[in-house]
Amino acid sequence: MARHNELGKKGEEKAAAYLLDQGYIIVARNYRHLHYEVDIIAWDHDELVMVEVRTRTSEYHEHPRDTISPAKINAIVSAAEAFILEHELDCQTRFDVICWLPSEDEDQWQMEHIVDAFRPSP
């Protein structure tokens, strides 16, 4: 597996552990619909949360949150809509982003949880 894929998986594992520590209930990981994907789907009380996890090394110059394009947002929203329809849910939904910046010492990662990071276009 390529280094960036390994780093991404490690970031997703850390994000899931963080969400569980915060009291979220994870219902799906890497949910796929067609070629769209949501990294983590979880309940935060009565709100369904779609979480995009972004992990970057220090060699990248932009913040991970700035790497989410409008096309990526549309893909996440499409997968989220499919999940909601598939499970016949009627609930509030929000889209969060968790960003990870690992340091040289991989035990010391910087994390930023952006709650309600974006909204679907009408």
PDB file of N, CA and C in Angstrom:
ATOM      1  N   MET A   1       0.852  -1.179   0.000  1.00  0.00           N
ATOM      2  CA  MET A   1       0.000   0.000   0.000  1.00  0.00           C
ATOM      3  C   MET A   1       0.896   1.240   0.000  1.00  0.00           C
ATOM      4  N   ALA A   2       0.540   2.229  -0.805  1.00  0.00           N
ATOM      5  CA  ALA A   2       1.327   3.454  -0.888  1.00  0.00           C
ATOM      6  C   ALA A   2       1.306   4.191   0.444  1.00  0.00           C
ATOM      7  N   ARG A   3       2.386   4.942   0.705  1.00  0.00           N
ATOM      8  CA  ARG A   3       2.518   5.657   1.977  1.00  0.00           C
ATOM      9  C   ARG A   3       1.341   6.581   2.239  1.00  0.00           C
ATOM     10  N   HIS A   4       0.877   7.306   1.209  1.00  0.00           N
ATOM     11  CA  HIS A   4      -0.243   8.232   1.434  1.00  0.00           C
ATOM     12  C   HIS A   4      -1.523   7.477   1.778  1.00  0.00           C
ATOM     13  N   ASN A   5      -1.711   6.262   1.222  1.00  0.00           N
ATOM     14  CA  ASN A   5      -2.884   5.458   1.580  1.00  0.00           C
ATOM     15  C   ASN A   5      -2.792   4.974   3.021  1.00  0.00           C
ATOM     16  N   GLU A   6      -1.594   4.559   3.431  1.00  0.00           N
ATOM     17  CA  GLU A   6      -1.384   4.122   4.817  1.00  0.00           C
ATOM     18  C   GLU A   6      -1.645   5.285   5.773  1.00  0.00           C
ATOM     19  N   LEU A   7      -1.149   6.460   5.416  1.00  0.00           N
ATOM     20  CA  LEU A   7      -1.347   7.645   6.247  1.00  0.00           C
ATOM     21  C   LEU A   7      -2.831   7.981   6.351  1.00  0.00           C
ATOM     22  N   GLY A   8      -3.546   7.893   5.220  1.00  0.00           N
ATOM     23  CA  GLY A   8      -4.981   8.168   5.226  1.00  0.00           C
ATOM     24  C   GLY A   8      -5.749   7.194   6.106  1.00  0.00           C
ATOM     25  N   LYS A   9      -5.407   5.915   6.025  1.00  0.00           N
ATOM     26  CA  LYS A   9      -6.076   4.913   6.873  1.00  0.00           C
ATOM     27  C   LYS A   9      -5.795   5.173   8.350  1.00  0.00           C
ATOM     28  N   LYS A  10      -4.543   5.541   8.658  1.00  0.00           N
ATOM     29  CA  LYS A  10      -4.193   5.841  10.047  1.00  0.00           C
ATOM     30  C   LYS A  10      -4.993   7.055  10.537  1.00  0.00           C
ATOM     31  N   GLY A  11      -5.139   8.061   9.680  1.00  0.00           N
ATOM     32  CA  GLY A  11      -5.933   9.244  10.033  1.00  0.00           C
ATOM     33  C   GLY A  11      -7.386   8.891  10.278  1.00  0.00           C
ATOM     34  N   GLU A  12      -7.946   7.999   9.461  1.00  0.00           N
ATOM     35  CA  GLU A  12      -9.334   7.574   9.653  1.00  0.00           C
ATOM     36  C   GLU A  12      -9.499   6.797  10.952  1.00  0.00           C
ATOM     37  N   GLU A  13      -8.529   5.950  11.280  1.00  0.00           N
ATOM     38  CA  GLU A  13      -8.577   5.204  12.542  1.00  0.00           C
ATOM     39  C   GLU A  13      -8.554   6.164  13.727  1.00  0.00           C
ATOM     40  N   LYS A  14      -7.666   7.147  13.674  1.00  0.00           N
ATOM     41  CA  LYS A  14      -7.575   8.124  14.766  1.00  0.00           C
ATOM     42  C   LYS A  14      -8.853   8.964  14.855  1.00  0.00           C
ATOM     43  N   ALA A  15      -9.432   9.307  13.713  1.00  0.00           N
ATOM     44  CA  ALA A  15     -10.676  10.084  13.706  1.00  0.00           C
ATOM     45  C   ALA A  15     -11.819   9.280  14.334  1.00  0.00           C
ATOM     46  N   ALA A  16     -11.916   7.998  13.991  1.00  0.00           N
ATOM     47  CA  ALA A  16     -12.964   7.151  14.561  1.00  0.00           C
ATOM     48  C   ALA A  16     -12.785   7.036  16.072  1.00  0.00           C
ATOM     49  N   ALA A  17     -11.561   6.842  16.522  1.00  0.00           N
ATOM     50  CA  ALA A  17     -11.293   6.744  17.966  1.00  0.00           C
ATOM     51  C   ALA A  17     -11.665   8.051  18.663  1.00  0.00           C
ATOM     52  N   TYR A  18     -11.323   9.172  18.050  1.00  0.00           N
ATOM     53  CA  TYR A  18     -11.662  10.490  18.615  1.00  0.00           C
ATOM     54  C   TYR A  18     -13.185  10.633  18.736  1.00  0.00           C
ATOM     55  N   LEU A  19     -13.915  10.294  17.668  1.00  0.00           N
ATOM     56  CA  LEU A  19     -15.368  10.438  17.696  1.00  0.00           C
ATOM     57  C   LEU A  19     -15.991   9.559  18.774  1.00  0.00           C
ATOM     58  N   LEU A  20     -15.513   8.333  18.894  1.00  0.00           N
ATOM     59  CA  LEU A  20     -16.017   7.448  19.947  1.00  0.00           C
ATOM     60  C   LEU A  20     -15.753   8.044  21.325  1.00  0.00           C
ATOM     61  N   ASP A  21     -14.568   8.613  21.516  1.00  0.00           N
ATOM     62  CA  ASP A  21     -14.230   9.259  22.794  1.00  0.00           C
ATOM     63  C   ASP A  21     -15.152  10.440  23.093  1.00  0.00           C
ATOM     64  N   GLN A  22     -15.649  11.081  22.036  1.00  0.00           N
ATOM     65  CA  GLN A  22     -16.539  12.231  22.193  1.00  0.00           C
ATOM     66  C   GLN A  22     -18.000  11.820  22.360  1.00  0.00           C
ATOM     67  N   GLY A  23     -18.270  10.524  22.335  1.00  0.00           N
ATOM     68  CA  GLY A  23     -19.630  10.042  22.537  1.00  0.00           C
ATOM     69  C   GLY A  23     -20.430   9.791  21.274  1.00  0.00           C
ATOM     70  N   TYR A  24     -19.815   9.916  20.117  1.00  0.00           N
ATOM     71  CA  TYR A  24     -20.511   9.629  18.867  1.00  0.00           C
ATOM     72  C   TYR A  24     -20.721   8.117  18.759  1.00  0.00           C
ATOM     73  N   ILE A  25     -21.730   7.723  18.012  1.00  0.00           N
ATOM     74  CA  ILE A  25     -21.977   6.316  17.723  1.00  0.00           C
ATOM     75  C   ILE A  25     -21.730   6.122  16.228  1.00  0.00           C
ATOM     76  N   ILE A  26     -20.695   5.384  15.910  1.00  0.00           N
ATOM     77  CA  ILE A  26     -20.336   5.171  14.508  1.00  0.00           C
ATOM     78  C   ILE A  26     -21.217   4.069  13.933  1.00  0.00           C
ATOM     79  N   VAL A  27     -21.857   4.385  12.799  1.00  0.00           N
ATOM     80  CA  VAL A  27     -22.742   3.407  12.159  1.00  0.00           C
ATOM     81  C   VAL A  27     -22.175   2.881  10.847  1.00  0.00           C
ATOM     82  N   ALA A  28     -21.222   3.579  10.254  1.00  0.00           N
ATOM     83  CA  ALA A  28     -20.612   3.111   9.005  1.00  0.00           C
ATOM     84  C   ALA A  28     -19.250   3.754   8.820  1.00  0.00           C
ATOM     85  N   ARG A  29     -18.376   2.993   8.203  1.00  0.00           N
ATOM     86  CA  ARG A  29     -17.052   3.508   7.826  1.00  0.00           C
ATOM     87  C   ARG A  29     -16.843   3.192   6.356  1.00  0.00           C
ATOM     88  N   ASN A  30     -16.303   4.161   5.650  1.00  0.00           N
ATOM     89  CA  ASN A  30     -16.025   4.017   4.217  1.00  0.00           C
ATOM     90  C   ASN A  30     -17.268   3.555   3.448  1.00  0.00           C
ATOM     91  N   TYR A  31     -18.381   4.221   3.723  1.00  0.00           N
ATOM     92  CA  TYR A  31     -19.627   3.916   3.029  1.00  0.00           C
ATOM     93  C   TYR A  31     -19.500   4.357   1.574  1.00  0.00           C
ATOM     94  N   ARG A  32     -19.794   3.437   0.671  1.00  0.00           N
ATOM     95  CA  ARG A  32     -19.672   3.722  -0.758  1.00  0.00           C
ATOM     96  C   ARG A  32     -21.028   3.612  -1.450  1.00  0.00           C
ATOM     97  N   HIS A  33     -21.244   4.550  -2.341  1.00  0.00           N
ATOM     98  CA  HIS A  33     -22.390   4.503  -3.245  1.00  0.00           C
ATOM     99  C   HIS A  33     -21.856   4.914  -4.608  1.00  0.00           C
ATOM    100  N   LEU A  34     -21.966   4.002  -5.575  1.00  0.00           N
ATOM    101  CA  LEU A  34     -21.347   4.197  -6.887  1.00  0.00           C
ATOM    102  C   LEU A  34     -19.857   4.476  -6.665  1.00  0.00           C
ATOM    103  N   HIS A  35     -19.352   5.590  -7.140  1.00  0.00           N
ATOM    104  CA  HIS A  35     -17.938   5.891  -6.898  1.00  0.00           C
ATOM    105  C   HIS A  35     -17.761   7.004  -5.861  1.00  0.00           C
ATOM    106  N   TYR A  36     -18.788   7.241  -5.063  1.00  0.00           N
ATOM    107  CA  TYR A  36     -18.733   8.240  -3.999  1.00  0.00           C
ATOM    108  C   TYR A  36     -18.517   7.546  -2.660  1.00  0.00           C
ATOM    109  N   GLU A  37     -17.933   8.269  -1.712  1.00  0.00           N
ATOM    110  CA  GLU A  37     -17.646   7.666  -0.414  1.00  0.00           C
ATOM    111  C   GLU A  37     -17.765   8.691   0.706  1.00  0.00           C
ATOM    112  N   VAL A  38     -18.242   8.211   1.861  1.00  0.00           N
ATOM    113  CA  VAL A  38     -18.203   8.974   3.101  1.00  0.00           C
ATOM    114  C   VAL A  38     -17.289   8.190   4.036  1.00  0.00           C
ATOM    115  N   ASP A  39     -16.288   8.873   4.604  1.00  0.00           N
ATOM    116  CA  ASP A  39     -15.311   8.182   5.444  1.00  0.00           C
ATOM    117  C   ASP A  39     -15.939   7.595   6.701  1.00  0.00           C
ATOM    118  N   ILE A  40     -16.701   8.412   7.428  1.00  0.00           N
ATOM    119  CA  ILE A  40     -17.322   7.957   8.674  1.00  0.00           C
ATOM    120  C   ILE A  40     -18.737   8.535   8.751  1.00  0.00           C
ATOM    121  N   ILE A  41     -19.686   7.688   9.131  1.00  0.00           N
ATOM    122  CA  ILE A  41     -21.052   8.140   9.385  1.00  0.00           C
ATOM    123  C   ILE A  41     -21.355   7.803  10.838  1.00  0.00           C
ATOM    124  N   ALA A  42     -21.799   8.805  11.579  1.00  0.00           N
ATOM    125  CA  ALA A  42     -22.005   8.597  13.022  1.00  0.00           C
ATOM    126  C   ALA A  42     -23.193   9.416  13.515  1.00  0.00           C
ATOM    127  N   TRP A  43     -23.717   8.966  14.639  1.00  0.00           N
ATOM    128  CA  TRP A  43     -24.766   9.729  15.335  1.00  0.00           C
ATOM    129  C   TRP A  43     -24.118  10.586  16.407  1.00  0.00           C
ATOM    130  N   ASP A  44     -24.503  11.842  16.430  1.00  0.00           N
ATOM    131  CA  ASP A  44     -24.155  12.754  17.519  1.00  0.00           C
ATOM    132  C   ASP A  44     -25.489  13.162  18.125  1.00  0.00           C
ATOM    133  N   HIS A  45     -25.881  12.442  19.157  1.00  0.00           N
ATOM    134  CA  HIS A  45     -27.223  12.559  19.739  1.00  0.00           C
ATOM    135  C   HIS A  45     -28.238  12.216  18.660  1.00  0.00           C
ATOM    136  N   ASP A  46     -29.116  13.144  18.270  1.00  0.00           N
ATOM    137  CA  ASP A  46     -30.134  12.830  17.268  1.00  0.00           C
ATOM    138  C   ASP A  46     -29.778  13.360  15.884  1.00  0.00           C
ATOM    139  N   GLU A  47     -28.529  13.714  15.677  1.00  0.00           N
ATOM    140  CA  GLU A  47     -28.086  14.256  14.397  1.00  0.00           C
ATOM    141  C   GLU A  47     -27.141  13.268  13.711  1.00  0.00           C
ATOM    142  N   LEU A  48     -27.398  12.990  12.442  1.00  0.00           N
ATOM    143  CA  LEU A  48     -26.540  12.116  11.664  1.00  0.00           C
ATOM    144  C   LEU A  48     -25.386  12.956  11.108  1.00  0.00           C
ATOM    145  N   VAL A  49     -24.168  12.494  11.328  1.00  0.00           N
ATOM    146  CA  VAL A  49     -22.983  13.266  10.944  1.00  0.00           C
ATOM    147  C   VAL A  49     -22.195  12.499   9.894  1.00  0.00           C
ATOM    148  N   MET A  50     -21.954  13.154   8.772  1.00  0.00           N
ATOM    149  CA  MET A  50     -21.113  12.630   7.708  1.00  0.00           C
ATOM    150  C   MET A  50     -19.735  13.269   7.889  1.00  0.00           C
ATOM    151  N   VAL A  51     -18.714  12.449   8.064  1.00  0.00           N
ATOM    152  CA  VAL A  51     -17.381  12.972   8.381  1.00  0.00           C
ATOM    153  C   VAL A  51     -16.403  12.671   7.258  1.00  0.00           C
ATOM    154  N   GLU A  52     -15.794  13.709   6.749  1.00  0.00           N
ATOM    155  CA  GLU A  52     -14.693  13.581   5.793  1.00  0.00           C
ATOM    156  C   GLU A  52     -13.401  13.737   6.583  1.00  0.00           C
ATOM    157  N   VAL A  53     -12.498  12.781   6.437  1.00  0.00           N
ATOM    158  CA  VAL A  53     -11.229  12.819   7.142  1.00  0.00           C
ATOM    159  C   VAL A  53     -10.136  13.189   6.144  1.00  0.00           C
ATOM    160  N   ARG A  54      -9.362  14.201   6.488  1.00  0.00           N
ATOM    161  CA  ARG A  54      -8.262  14.654   5.629  1.00  0.00           C
ATOM    162  C   ARG A  54      -6.975  14.548   6.428  1.00  0.00           C
ATOM    163  N   THR A  55      -5.999  13.864   5.863  1.00  0.00           N
ATOM    164  CA  THR A  55      -4.718  13.683   6.533  1.00  0.00           C
ATOM    165  C   THR A  55      -3.616  14.115   5.579  1.00  0.00           C
ATOM    166  N   ARG A  56      -2.694  14.885   6.083  1.00  0.00           N
ATOM    167  CA  ARG A  56      -1.581  15.350   5.267  1.00  0.00           C
ATOM    168  C   ARG A  56      -0.302  15.298   6.080  1.00  0.00           C
ATOM    169  N   THR A  57       0.801  15.181   5.377  1.00  0.00           N
ATOM    170  CA  THR A  57       2.103  15.271   6.032  1.00  0.00           C
ATOM    171  C   THR A  57       2.523  16.727   6.036  1.00  0.00           C
ATOM    172  N   SER A  58       3.563  17.014   6.759  1.00  0.00           N
ATOM    173  CA  SER A  58       4.045  18.398   6.836  1.00  0.00           C
ATOM    174  C   SER A  58       4.655  18.860   5.524  1.00  0.00           C
ATOM    175  N   GLU A  59       4.872  17.941   4.574  1.00  0.00           N
ATOM    176  CA  GLU A  59       5.459  18.347   3.300  1.00  0.00           C
ATOM    177  C   GLU A  59       4.450  19.059   2.395  1.00  0.00           C
ATOM    178  N   TYR A  60       3.167  18.972   2.731  1.00  0.00           N
ATOM    179  CA  TYR A  60       2.149  19.702   1.984  1.00  0.00           C
ATOM    180  C   TYR A  60       2.057  21.110   2.554  1.00  0.00           C
ATOM    181  N   HIS A  61       1.827  22.063   1.687  1.00  0.00           N
ATOM    182  CA  HIS A  61       1.817  23.451   2.137  1.00  0.00           C
ATOM    183  C   HIS A  61       0.422  23.978   2.444  1.00  0.00           C
ATOM    184  N   GLU A  62      -0.599  23.297   2.007  1.00  0.00           N
ATOM    185  CA  GLU A  62      -1.942  23.780   2.299  1.00  0.00           C
ATOM    186  C   GLU A  62      -2.549  22.972   3.447  1.00  0.00           C
ATOM    187  N   HIS A  63      -3.448  23.624   4.146  1.00  0.00           N
ATOM    188  CA  HIS A  63      -4.137  22.949   5.257  1.00  0.00           C
ATOM    189  C   HIS A  63      -5.059  21.890   4.665  1.00  0.00           C
ATOM    190  N   PRO A  64      -5.199  20.740   5.320  1.00  0.00           N
ATOM    191  CA  PRO A  64      -6.051  19.676   4.777  1.00  0.00           C
ATOM    192  C   PRO A  64      -7.476  20.126   4.458  1.00  0.00           C
ATOM    193  N   ARG A  65      -8.040  21.034   5.258  1.00  0.00           N
ATOM    194  CA  ARG A  65      -9.421  21.466   4.997  1.00  0.00           C
ATOM    195  C   ARG A  65      -9.526  22.194   3.657  1.00  0.00           C
ATOM    196  N   ASP A  66      -8.419  22.778   3.204  1.00  0.00           N
ATOM    197  CA  ASP A  66      -8.427  23.523   1.948  1.00  0.00           C
ATOM    198  C   ASP A  66      -8.312  22.618   0.723  1.00  0.00           C
ATOM    199  N   THR A  67      -8.200  21.317   0.939  1.00  0.00           N
ATOM    200  CA  THR A  67      -8.081  20.376  -0.176  1.00  0.00           C
ATOM    201  C   THR A  67      -9.426  19.776  -0.565  1.00  0.00           C
ATOM    202  N   ILE A  68     -10.502  20.238   0.053  1.00  0.00           N
ATOM    203  CA  ILE A  68     -11.829  19.696  -0.258  1.00  0.00           C
ATOM    204  C   ILE A  68     -12.467  20.579  -1.328  1.00  0.00           C
ATOM    205  N   SER A  69     -12.514  20.049  -2.530  1.00  0.00           N
ATOM    206  CA  SER A  69     -13.034  20.798  -3.676  1.00  0.00           C
ATOM    207  C   SER A  69     -14.565  20.760  -3.701  1.00  0.00           C
ATOM    208  N   PRO A  70     -15.171  21.650  -4.470  1.00  0.00           N
ATOM    209  CA  PRO A  70     -16.630  21.577  -4.639  1.00  0.00           C
ATOM    210  C   PRO A  70     -17.070  20.213  -5.202  1.00  0.00           C
ATOM    211  N   ALA A  71     -16.281  19.623  -6.085  1.00  0.00           N
ATOM    212  CA  ALA A  71     -16.618  18.302  -6.625  1.00  0.00           C
ATOM    213  C   ALA A  71     -16.593  17.245  -5.524  1.00  0.00           C
ATOM    214  N   LYS A  72     -15.623  17.323  -4.611  1.00  0.00           N
ATOM    215  CA  LYS A  72     -15.539  16.377  -3.500  1.00  0.00           C
ATOM    216  C   LYS A  72     -16.746  16.551  -2.579  1.00  0.00           C
ATOM    217  N   ILE A  73     -17.127  17.796  -2.304  1.00  0.00           N
ATOM    218  CA  ILE A  73     -18.310  18.057  -1.478  1.00  0.00           C
ATOM    219  C   ILE A  73     -19.544  17.441  -2.127  1.00  0.00           C
ATOM    220  N   ASN A  74     -19.705  17.632  -3.425  1.00  0.00           N
ATOM    221  CA  ASN A  74     -20.857  17.050  -4.122  1.00  0.00           C
ATOM    222  C   ASN A  74     -20.847  15.525  -4.034  1.00  0.00           C
ATOM    223  N   ALA A  75     -19.668  14.918  -4.112  1.00  0.00           N
ATOM    224  CA  ALA A  75     -19.557  13.458  -4.012  1.00  0.00           C
ATOM    225  C   ALA A  75     -19.960  12.981  -2.620  1.00  0.00           C
ATOM    226  N   ILE A  76     -19.509  13.675  -1.597  1.00  0.00           N
ATOM    227  CA  ILE A  76     -19.862  13.309  -0.215  1.00  0.00           C
ATOM    228  C   ILE A  76     -21.366  13.447  -0.007  1.00  0.00           C
ATOM    229  N   VAL A  77     -21.930  14.530  -0.497  1.00  0.00           N
ATOM    230  CA  VAL A  77     -23.371  14.766  -0.352  1.00  0.00           C
ATOM    231  C   VAL A  77     -24.165  13.685  -1.090  1.00  0.00           C
ATOM    232  N   SER A  78     -23.726  13.298  -2.275  1.00  0.00           N
ATOM    233  CA  SER A  78     -24.420  12.235  -3.027  1.00  0.00           C
ATOM    234  C   SER A  78     -24.403  10.918  -2.266  1.00  0.00           C
ATOM    235  N   ALA A  79     -23.253  10.557  -1.711  1.00  0.00           N
ATOM    236  CA  ALA A  79     -23.164   9.319  -0.924  1.00  0.00           C
ATOM    237  C   ALA A  79     -24.028   9.420   0.330  1.00  0.00           C
ATOM    238  N   ALA A  80     -24.033  10.586   0.965  1.00  0.00           N
ATOM    239  CA  ALA A  80     -24.853  10.786   2.170  1.00  0.00           C
ATOM    240  C   ALA A  80     -26.335  10.623   1.842  1.00  0.00           C
ATOM    241  N   GLU A  81     -26.765  11.202   0.738  1.00  0.00           N
ATOM    242  CA  GLU A  81     -28.173  11.074   0.336  1.00  0.00           C
ATOM    243  C   GLU A  81     -28.531   9.609   0.092  1.00  0.00           C
ATOM    244  N   ALA A  82     -27.627   8.875  -0.540  1.00  0.00           N
ATOM    245  CA  ALA A  82     -27.883   7.447  -0.794  1.00  0.00           C
ATOM    246  C   ALA A  82     -28.013   6.680   0.516  1.00  0.00           C
ATOM    247  N   PHE A  83     -27.133   6.975   1.483  1.00  0.00           N
ATOM    248  CA  PHE A  83     -27.194   6.305   2.786  1.00  0.00           C
ATOM    249  C   PHE A  83     -28.524   6.583   3.480  1.00  0.00           C
ATOM    250  N   ILE A  84     -28.930   7.839   3.463  1.00  0.00           N
ATOM    251  CA  ILE A  84     -30.182   8.237   4.118  1.00  0.00           C
ATOM    252  C   ILE A  84     -31.382   7.540   3.471  1.00  0.00           C
ATOM    253  N   LEU A  85     -31.408   7.496   2.149  1.00  0.00           N
ATOM    254  CA  LEU A  85     -32.502   6.810   1.442  1.00  0.00           C
ATOM    255  C   LEU A  85     -32.464   5.304   1.694  1.00  0.00           C
ATOM    256  N   GLU A  86     -31.283   4.731   1.642  1.00  0.00           N
ATOM    257  CA  GLU A  86     -31.133   3.284   1.838  1.00  0.00           C
ATOM    258  C   GLU A  86     -31.628   2.847   3.210  1.00  0.00           C
ATOM    259  N   HIS A  87     -31.407   3.698   4.217  1.00  0.00           N
ATOM    260  CA  HIS A  87     -31.805   3.357   5.585  1.00  0.00           C
ATOM    261  C   HIS A  87     -33.124   4.011   6.009  1.00  0.00           C
ATOM    262  N   GLU A  88     -33.781   4.665   5.049  1.00  0.00           N
ATOM    263  CA  GLU A  88     -35.091   5.299   5.277  1.00  0.00           C
ATOM    264  C   GLU A  88     -35.075   6.188   6.519  1.00  0.00           C
ATOM    265  N   LEU A  89     -34.073   7.068   6.583  1.00  0.00           N
ATOM    266  CA  LEU A  89     -33.913   7.955   7.736  1.00  0.00           C
ATOM    267  C   LEU A  89     -34.590   9.290   7.495  1.00  0.00           C
ATOM    268  N   ASP A  90     -35.107   9.851   8.565  1.00  0.00           N
ATOM    269  CA  ASP A  90     -35.672  11.190   8.542  1.00  0.00           C
ATOM    270  C   ASP A  90     -35.060  11.912   9.739  1.00  0.00           C
ATOM    271  N   CYS A  91     -33.961  12.613   9.497  1.00  0.00           N
ATOM    272  CA  CYS A  91     -33.223  13.205  10.619  1.00  0.00           C
ATOM    273  C   CYS A  91     -32.414  14.411  10.140  1.00  0.00           C
ATOM    274  N   GLN A  92     -31.966  15.174  11.104  1.00  0.00           N
ATOM    275  CA  GLN A  92     -31.045  16.261  10.822  1.00  0.00           C
ATOM    276  C   GLN A  92     -29.703  15.645  10.430  1.00  0.00           C
ATOM    277  N   THR A  93     -29.051  16.247   9.457  1.00  0.00           N
ATOM    278  CA  THR A  93     -27.758  15.764   8.996  1.00  0.00           C
ATOM    279  C   THR A  93     -26.794  16.934   8.906  1.00  0.00           C
ATOM    280  N   ARG A  94     -25.548  16.668   9.283  1.00  0.00           N
ATOM    281  CA  ARG A  94     -24.529  17.699   9.117  1.00  0.00           C
ATOM    282  C   ARG A  94     -23.270  17.054   8.548  1.00  0.00           C
ATOM    283  N   PHE A  95     -22.403  17.898   8.027  1.00  0.00           N
ATOM    284  CA  PHE A  95     -21.176  17.456   7.386  1.00  0.00           C
ATOM    285  C   PHE A  95     -19.988  18.064   8.128  1.00  0.00           C
ATOM    286  N   ASP A  96     -19.188  17.197   8.735  1.00  0.00           N
ATOM    287  CA  ASP A  96     -18.007  17.616   9.488  1.00  0.00           C
ATOM    288  C   ASP A  96     -16.750  17.227   8.723  1.00  0.00           C
ATOM    289  N   VAL A  97     -15.665  17.885   9.064  1.00  0.00           N
ATOM    290  CA  VAL A  97     -14.352  17.522   8.532  1.00  0.00           C
ATOM    291  C   VAL A  97     -13.408  17.374   9.713  1.00  0.00           C
ATOM    292  N   ILE A  98     -12.649  16.288   9.715  1.00  0.00           N
ATOM    293  CA  ILE A  98     -11.588  16.109  10.699  1.00  0.00           C
ATOM    294  C   ILE A  98     -10.274  16.132   9.936  1.00  0.00           C
ATOM    295  N   CYS A  99      -9.406  17.052  10.325  1.00  0.00           N
ATOM    296  CA  CYS A  99      -8.110  17.219   9.674  1.00  0.00           C
ATOM    297  C   CYS A  99      -7.009  16.731  10.603  1.00  0.00           C
ATOM    298  N   TRP A 100      -6.066  15.992  10.040  1.00  0.00           N
ATOM    299  CA  TRP A 100      -4.918  15.495  10.809  1.00  0.00           C
ATOM    300  C   TRP A 100      -3.628  15.949  10.159  1.00  0.00           C
ATOM    301  N   LEU A 101      -2.736  16.452  10.989  1.00  0.00           N
ATOM    302  CA  LEU A 101      -1.387  16.801  10.551  1.00  0.00           C
ATOM    303  C   LEU A 101      -0.407  16.067  11.448  1.00  0.00           C
ATOM    304  N   PRO A 102       0.125  14.931  10.975  1.00  0.00           N
ATOM    305  CA  PRO A 102       1.066  14.205  11.820  1.00  0.00           C
ATOM    306  C   PRO A 102       2.381  14.966  11.935  1.00  0.00           C
ATOM    307  N   SER A 103       3.017  14.839  13.072  1.00  0.00           N
ATOM    308  CA  SER A 103       4.325  15.452  13.265  1.00  0.00           C
ATOM    309  C   SER A 103       5.392  14.410  12.986  1.00  0.00           C
ATOM    310  N   GLU A 104       6.643  14.791  13.151  1.00  0.00           N
ATOM    311  CA  GLU A 104       7.736  13.837  12.968  1.00  0.00           C
ATOM    312  C   GLU A 104       7.550  12.643  13.902  1.00  0.00           C
ATOM    313  N   ASP A 105       7.104  12.903  15.126  1.00  0.00           N
ATOM    314  CA  ASP A 105       6.782  11.850  16.083  1.00  0.00           C
ATOM    315  C   ASP A 105       5.322  11.496  15.852  1.00  0.00           C
ATOM    316  N   GLU A 106       5.055  10.357  15.220  1.00  0.00           N
ATOM    317  CA  GLU A 106       3.691  10.029  14.807  1.00  0.00           C
ATOM    318  C   GLU A 106       2.715   9.868  15.963  1.00  0.00           C
ATOM    319  N   ASP A 107       3.203   9.911  17.207  1.00  0.00           N
ATOM    320  CA  ASP A 107       2.292   9.870  18.348  1.00  0.00           C
ATOM    321  C   ASP A 107       1.730  11.250  18.656  1.00  0.00           C
ATOM    322  N   GLN A 108       2.274  12.273  18.056  1.00  0.00           N
ATOM    323  CA  GLN A 108       1.870  13.660  18.323  1.00  0.00           C
ATOM    324  C   GLN A 108       1.215  14.256  17.084  1.00  0.00           C
ATOM    325  N   TRP A 109       0.003  13.893  16.823  1.00  0.00           N
ATOM    326  CA  TRP A 109      -0.726  14.408  15.670  1.00  0.00           C
ATOM    327  C   TRP A 109      -1.525  15.641  16.084  1.00  0.00           C
ATOM    328  N   GLN A 110      -1.589  16.612  15.198  1.00  0.00           N
ATOM    329  CA  GLN A 110      -2.450  17.774  15.412  1.00  0.00           C
ATOM    330  C   GLN A 110      -3.792  17.466  14.749  1.00  0.00           C
ATOM    331  N   MET A 111      -4.872  17.713  15.461  1.00  0.00           N
ATOM    332  CA  MET A 111      -6.195  17.422  14.947  1.00  0.00           C
ATOM    333  C   MET A 111      -7.059  18.669  15.020  1.00  0.00           C
ATOM    334  N   GLU A 112      -7.873  18.833  14.002  1.00  0.00           N
ATOM    335  CA  GLU A 112      -8.881  19.897  13.999  1.00  0.00           C
ATOM    336  C   GLU A 112     -10.202  19.274  13.564  1.00  0.00           C
ATOM    337  N   HIS A 113     -11.238  19.430  14.392  1.00  0.00           N
ATOM    338  CA  HIS A 113     -12.577  18.929  14.060  1.00  0.00           C
ATOM    339  C   HIS A 113     -13.421  20.140  13.691  1.00  0.00           C
ATOM    340  N   ILE A 114     -13.794  20.213  12.446  1.00  0.00           N
ATOM    341  CA  ILE A 114     -14.613  21.320  11.951  1.00  0.00           C
ATOM    342  C   ILE A 114     -16.060  20.821  11.884  1.00  0.00           C
ATOM    343  N   VAL A 115     -16.857  21.278  12.839  1.00  0.00           N
ATOM    344  CA  VAL A 115     -18.263  20.884  12.919  1.00  0.00           C
ATOM    345  C   VAL A 115     -19.055  21.718  11.923  1.00  0.00           C
ATOM    346  N   ASP A 116     -19.950  21.057  11.184  1.00  0.00           N
ATOM    347  CA  ASP A 116     -20.790  21.746  10.193  1.00  0.00           C
ATOM    348  C   ASP A 116     -19.909  22.505   9.188  1.00  0.00           C
ATOM    349  N   ALA A 117     -18.935  21.791   8.646  1.00  0.00           N
ATOM    350  CA  ALA A 117     -17.910  22.382   7.776  1.00  0.00           C
ATOM    351  C   ALA A 117     -18.459  22.903   6.461  1.00  0.00           C
ATOM    352  N   PHE A 118     -19.477  22.252   5.929  1.00  0.00           N
ATOM    353  CA  PHE A 118     -20.089  22.707   4.693  1.00  0.00           C
ATOM    354  C   PHE A 118     -21.531  22.234   4.635  1.00  0.00           C
ATOM    355  N   ARG A 119     -22.281  22.842   3.746  1.00  0.00           N
ATOM    356  CA  ARG A 119     -23.683  22.475   3.569  1.00  0.00           C
ATOM    357  C   ARG A 119     -23.898  22.127   2.087  1.00  0.00           C
ATOM    358  N   PRO A 120     -24.822  21.213   1.834  1.00  0.00           N
ATOM    359  CA  PRO A 120     -25.120  20.873   0.434  1.00  0.00           C
ATOM    360  C   PRO A 120     -25.694  22.067  -0.293  1.00  0.00           C
ATOM    361  N   SER A 121     -25.418  22.138  -1.583  1.00  0.00           N
ATOM    362  CA  SER A 121     -26.034  23.178  -2.414  1.00  0.00           C
ATOM    363  C   SER A 121     -27.507  22.864  -2.580  1.00  0.00           C
ATOM    364  N   PRO A 122     -28.334  23.903  -2.667  1.00  0.00           N
ATOM    365  CA  PRO A 122     -29.774  23.643  -2.859  1.00  0.00           C
ATOM    366  C   PRO A 122     -30.062  23.055  -4.232  1.00  0.00           C
TER     367      PRO A 122
END
